[in-house]
C-alpha cells in the first residue's frame, strides 16, 4: 500500500468527521462557520477519495508500451 493511499484514507475520515460535526452544530442554517465546515469537509473527503482512487488504479494498471506501436505509413 502506498503512502498516498494512507493519506487519502486519512483525508476521507477527517473530511467526514468535519461534515458530521458541522451537521450537528448547524442549527437553523444561519451559522456561516457551520456552512464553511460543510463545504470544506466535503471538499476534503472528495480530495481523499480522488487521491486514493488514482493511486489504486495506477498501481493495478499494466505499464504502457508506448514505443511498441507500429508507425503509420
Protein backbone atom coordinates (compact mmCIF):
# COMPACT_ATOMS: atom_id res chain seq x y z
CA UNK A 1 0.00 0.00 0.00
CA UNK A 2 1.35 3.37 -0.98
CA UNK A 3 1.68 6.30 1.37
CA UNK A 4 -0.74 8.22 -0.86
CA UNK A 5 -3.48 5.66 -0.16
CA UNK A 6 -2.96 6.20 3.56
CA UNK A 7 -3.06 9.98 3.07
CA UNK A 8 -6.28 9.61 1.06
CA UNK A 9 -7.93 7.46 3.71
CA UNK A 10 -6.93 9.92 6.45
CA UNK A 11 -8.30 12.81 4.37
CA UNK A 12 -11.61 11.00 3.81
CA UNK A 13 -12.01 10.23 7.50
CA UNK A 14 -11.10 13.77 8.53
CA UNK A 15 -13.49 15.22 5.95
CA UNK A 16 -16.33 13.03 7.14
CA UNK A 17 -15.63 13.96 10.75
CA UNK A 18 -15.76 17.66 9.83
CA UNK A 19 -19.03 17.18 7.91
CA UNK A 20 -20.64 15.29 10.81
CA UNK A 21 -19.53 17.97 13.28
CA UNK A 22 -20.88 20.71 11.03
CA UNK A 23 -24.24 18.95 10.63
CA UNK A 24 -24.60 18.55 14.38
CA UNK A 25 -23.73 22.21 15.06
CA UNK A 26 -25.64 23.70 12.14
CA UNK A 27 -28.79 24.71 13.98
CA UNK A 28 -31.05 26.89 11.85
CA UNK A 29 -28.63 27.10 8.95
CA UNK A 30 -27.61 30.71 9.51
CA UNK A 31 -24.20 29.94 11.00
CA UNK A 32 -21.51 30.77 8.42
CA UNK A 33 -18.91 28.69 10.28
CA UNK A 34 -21.04 25.55 10.00
CA UNK A 35 -21.68 26.22 6.33
CA UNK A 36 -17.95 26.65 5.70
CA UNK A 37 -17.25 23.44 7.62
CA UNK A 38 -19.77 21.59 5.45
CA UNK A 39 -18.12 22.82 2.26
CA UNK A 40 -14.59 22.25 3.50
CA UNK A 41 -15.30 18.80 4.88
CA UNK A 42 -16.97 17.72 1.65
CA UNK A 43 -14.03 19.00 -0.38
CA UNK A 44 -11.52 17.24 1.90
CA UNK A 45 -13.42 13.94 1.69
CA UNK A 46 -13.66 14.19 -2.10
CA UNK A 47 -9.94 15.01 -2.35
CA UNK A 48 -9.08 11.95 -0.27
CA UNK A 49 -11.24 9.71 -2.45
CA UNK A 50 -9.67 11.05 -5.64
CA UNK A 51 -6.10 10.67 -4.34
CA UNK A 52 -6.65 7.13 -3.06
CA UNK A 53 -8.59 6.13 -6.18
CA UNK A 54 -5.95 7.35 -8.60
CA UNK A 55 -3.17 5.62 -6.66
CA UNK A 56 -5.04 2.32 -6.55
CA UNK A 57 -5.81 2.45 -10.28
CA UNK A 58 -2.22 3.42 -11.10
CA UNK A 59 -0.84 0.52 -9.05
CA UNK A 60 -3.19 -2.04 -10.61
CA UNK A 61 -2.84 -0.99 -14.26
CA UNK A 62 -0.37 -2.56 -16.63
CA UNK A 63 2.52 -0.45 -17.86
CA UNK A 64 2.04 1.21 -21.22
CA UNK A 65 4.31 0.20 -24.08
CA UNK A 66 4.20 3.46 -25.99
CA UNK A 67 7.28 2.67 -28.10
CA UNK A 68 5.96 -0.72 -29.25
CA UNK A 69 3.46 0.71 -31.70
CA UNK A 70 3.97 0.35 -35.43
CA UNK A 71 4.34 3.77 -37.09
CA UNK A 72 1.65 4.82 -39.51
CA UNK A 73 2.68 4.75 -43.19
